[in-house]
N, C-alpha and C. Protein backbone atom coordinates (compact mmCIF):
# COMPACT_ATOMS: atom_id res chain seq x y z
N MET A 1 0.86 -1.19 0.00
CA MET A 1 -0.03 -0.02 0.01
C MET A 1 0.93 1.27 0.08
N THR A 2 0.56 2.22 -0.90
CA THR A 2 1.37 3.42 -0.95
C THR A 2 0.67 4.59 -0.28
N GLN A 3 1.41 5.51 0.20
CA GLN A 3 0.88 6.72 0.80
C GLN A 3 0.66 7.80 -0.18
N GLN A 4 -0.58 8.32 -0.38
CA GLN A 4 -0.95 9.30 -1.29
C GLN A 4 -0.62 10.75 -0.69
N GLU A 5 0.13 11.60 -1.48
CA GLU A 5 0.32 12.97 -1.03
C GLU A 5 -0.92 13.77 -1.15
N ILE A 6 -1.31 14.43 -0.11
CA ILE A 6 -2.47 15.21 -0.14
C ILE A 6 -2.04 16.71 0.13
N GLU A 7 -2.52 17.61 -0.69
CA GLU A 7 -2.20 19.01 -0.53
C GLU A 7 -3.33 19.63 0.26
N LEU A 8 -2.92 20.34 1.36
CA LEU A 8 -3.94 20.88 2.19
C LEU A 8 -4.04 22.45 2.02
N THR A 9 -5.17 23.02 2.17
CA THR A 9 -5.28 24.43 2.29
C THR A 9 -4.84 24.92 3.57
N ALA A 10 -4.56 26.22 3.69
CA ALA A 10 -4.19 26.82 4.95
C ALA A 10 -5.21 26.55 6.04
N GLU A 11 -6.48 26.71 5.70
CA GLU A 11 -7.50 26.44 6.64
C GLU A 11 -7.47 24.97 7.19
N GLN A 12 -7.31 24.06 6.23
CA GLN A 12 -7.28 22.59 6.53
C GLN A 12 -6.02 22.26 7.49
N GLU A 13 -5.03 22.91 7.21
CA GLU A 13 -3.75 22.70 7.91
C GLU A 13 -3.98 23.27 9.36
N ALA A 14 -4.63 24.34 9.44
CA ALA A 14 -4.91 24.98 10.82
C ALA A 14 -5.84 24.01 11.67
N VAL A 15 -6.81 23.34 10.98
CA VAL A 15 -7.66 22.49 11.60
C VAL A 15 -6.93 21.20 12.10
N PHE A 16 -6.05 20.67 11.26
CA PHE A 16 -5.24 19.62 11.70
C PHE A 16 -4.27 19.89 12.78
N GLN A 17 -3.67 21.09 12.74
CA GLN A 17 -2.87 21.51 13.76
C GLN A 17 -3.51 21.62 15.15
N GLU A 18 -4.82 22.13 15.11
CA GLU A 18 -5.65 22.17 16.33
C GLU A 18 -5.93 20.87 16.88
N ILE A 19 -6.23 19.85 15.96
CA ILE A 19 -6.43 18.50 16.44
C ILE A 19 -5.26 17.94 17.18
N LYS A 20 -4.12 18.08 16.44
CA LYS A 20 -2.84 17.63 16.93
C LYS A 20 -2.60 18.16 18.45
N HIS A 21 -2.83 19.53 18.51
CA HIS A 21 -2.67 20.16 19.79
C HIS A 21 -3.57 19.56 20.85
N LEU A 22 -4.84 19.40 20.52
CA LEU A 22 -5.73 18.76 21.47
C LEU A 22 -5.31 17.42 21.91
N LEU A 23 -4.83 16.59 20.91
CA LEU A 23 -4.45 15.29 21.35
C LEU A 23 -3.26 15.20 22.18
N THR A 24 -2.34 16.23 22.14
CA THR A 24 -1.23 16.23 23.06
C THR A 24 -1.57 16.76 24.37
N GLN A 25 -2.74 17.46 24.50
CA GLN A 25 -3.06 17.92 25.89
C GLN A 25 -3.95 17.01 26.59
N ILE A 26 -4.71 16.21 25.97
CA ILE A 26 -5.68 15.44 26.62
C ILE A 26 -5.01 14.19 27.28
N ARG A 27 -5.33 13.85 28.56
CA ARG A 27 -4.77 12.68 29.21
C ARG A 27 -5.70 11.60 29.25
N PHE A 28 -7.00 11.84 29.63
CA PHE A 28 -7.97 10.79 29.64
C PHE A 28 -9.33 11.30 29.11
N GLY A 29 -9.87 10.85 28.08
CA GLY A 29 -11.09 11.31 27.53
C GLY A 29 -11.23 10.88 26.07
N SER A 30 -11.85 11.78 25.35
CA SER A 30 -12.04 11.53 23.92
C SER A 30 -12.07 12.82 23.06
N LEU A 31 -11.75 12.61 21.81
CA LEU A 31 -11.87 13.73 20.93
C LEU A 31 -12.71 13.29 19.76
N GLU A 32 -13.72 14.04 19.46
CA GLU A 32 -14.77 13.69 18.48
C GLU A 32 -14.62 14.71 17.32
N VAL A 33 -14.50 14.23 16.11
CA VAL A 33 -14.38 15.12 14.86
C VAL A 33 -15.66 14.86 14.08
N SER A 34 -16.36 15.91 13.81
CA SER A 34 -17.61 15.83 13.03
C SER A 34 -17.28 16.26 11.70
N VAL A 35 -17.75 15.54 10.65
CA VAL A 35 -17.52 15.84 9.27
C VAL A 35 -18.82 15.90 8.49
N HIS A 36 -18.99 16.95 7.72
CA HIS A 36 -20.12 17.20 6.80
C HIS A 36 -19.66 17.36 5.41
N ASN A 37 -20.17 16.71 4.45
CA ASN A 37 -19.83 16.75 3.03
C ASN A 37 -18.33 16.65 2.85
N GLY A 38 -17.62 15.82 3.61
CA GLY A 38 -16.28 15.62 3.41
C GLY A 38 -15.36 16.61 4.08
N GLN A 39 -15.91 17.59 4.90
CA GLN A 39 -15.16 18.71 5.51
C GLN A 39 -15.33 18.62 7.04
N ILE A 40 -14.22 18.81 7.80
CA ILE A 40 -14.38 18.89 9.28
C ILE A 40 -15.05 20.15 9.58
N VAL A 41 -16.16 19.96 10.34
CA VAL A 41 -16.96 21.16 10.75
C VAL A 41 -16.92 21.44 12.35
N GLN A 42 -16.54 20.39 13.03
CA GLN A 42 -16.57 20.53 14.52
C GLN A 42 -15.61 19.63 15.11
N VAL A 43 -14.98 20.01 16.20
CA VAL A 43 -14.14 19.18 17.06
C VAL A 43 -14.56 19.30 18.50
N GLU A 44 -14.94 18.17 19.17
CA GLU A 44 -15.24 18.20 20.58
C GLU A 44 -14.27 17.48 21.35
N CYS A 45 -13.83 18.06 22.46
CA CYS A 45 -12.84 17.44 23.34
C CYS A 45 -13.55 17.19 24.67
N ARG A 46 -13.53 15.98 25.10
CA ARG A 46 -14.08 15.61 26.44
C ARG A 46 -12.95 15.03 27.23
N GLU A 47 -12.69 15.61 28.41
CA GLU A 47 -11.63 15.12 29.27
C GLU A 47 -12.24 14.66 30.58
N LYS A 48 -11.88 13.50 31.03
CA LYS A 48 -12.36 12.96 32.28
C LYS A 48 -11.36 13.27 33.38
N ARG A 49 -11.89 13.67 34.48
CA ARG A 49 -11.12 13.90 35.70
C ARG A 49 -11.70 13.16 36.84
N ARG A 50 -11.05 12.26 37.44
CA ARG A 50 -11.50 11.51 38.53
C ARG A 50 -10.75 11.92 39.81
N PHE A 51 -11.51 11.93 40.93
CA PHE A 51 -10.90 12.26 42.21
C PHE A 51 -11.21 11.12 43.21
N THR A 52 -10.22 10.79 43.86
CA THR A 52 -10.35 9.76 44.93
C THR A 52 -10.83 10.42 46.27
N LYS A 53 -11.74 9.61 46.96
CA LYS A 53 -12.30 10.12 48.21
C LYS A 53 -11.30 9.81 49.25
N SER A 54 -10.80 10.80 50.02
CA SER A 54 -9.85 10.57 51.11
C SER A 54 -10.65 10.41 52.41
N GLY A 55 -10.15 9.50 53.24
CA GLY A 55 -10.72 9.34 54.59
C GLY A 55 -11.19 7.98 54.82
């Protein structure tokens, strides 16, 4: 299988950079990417934080 070169617009590159940034920041949770007509239209980041009960 060969990797196809894809040329991105500046806007698409910015979206991918934002997704990359979010992935480096999240420790536990999920990142949801919504696509409409082949274009990314929304990115949702959900991070879980759990606390232990002391005592």
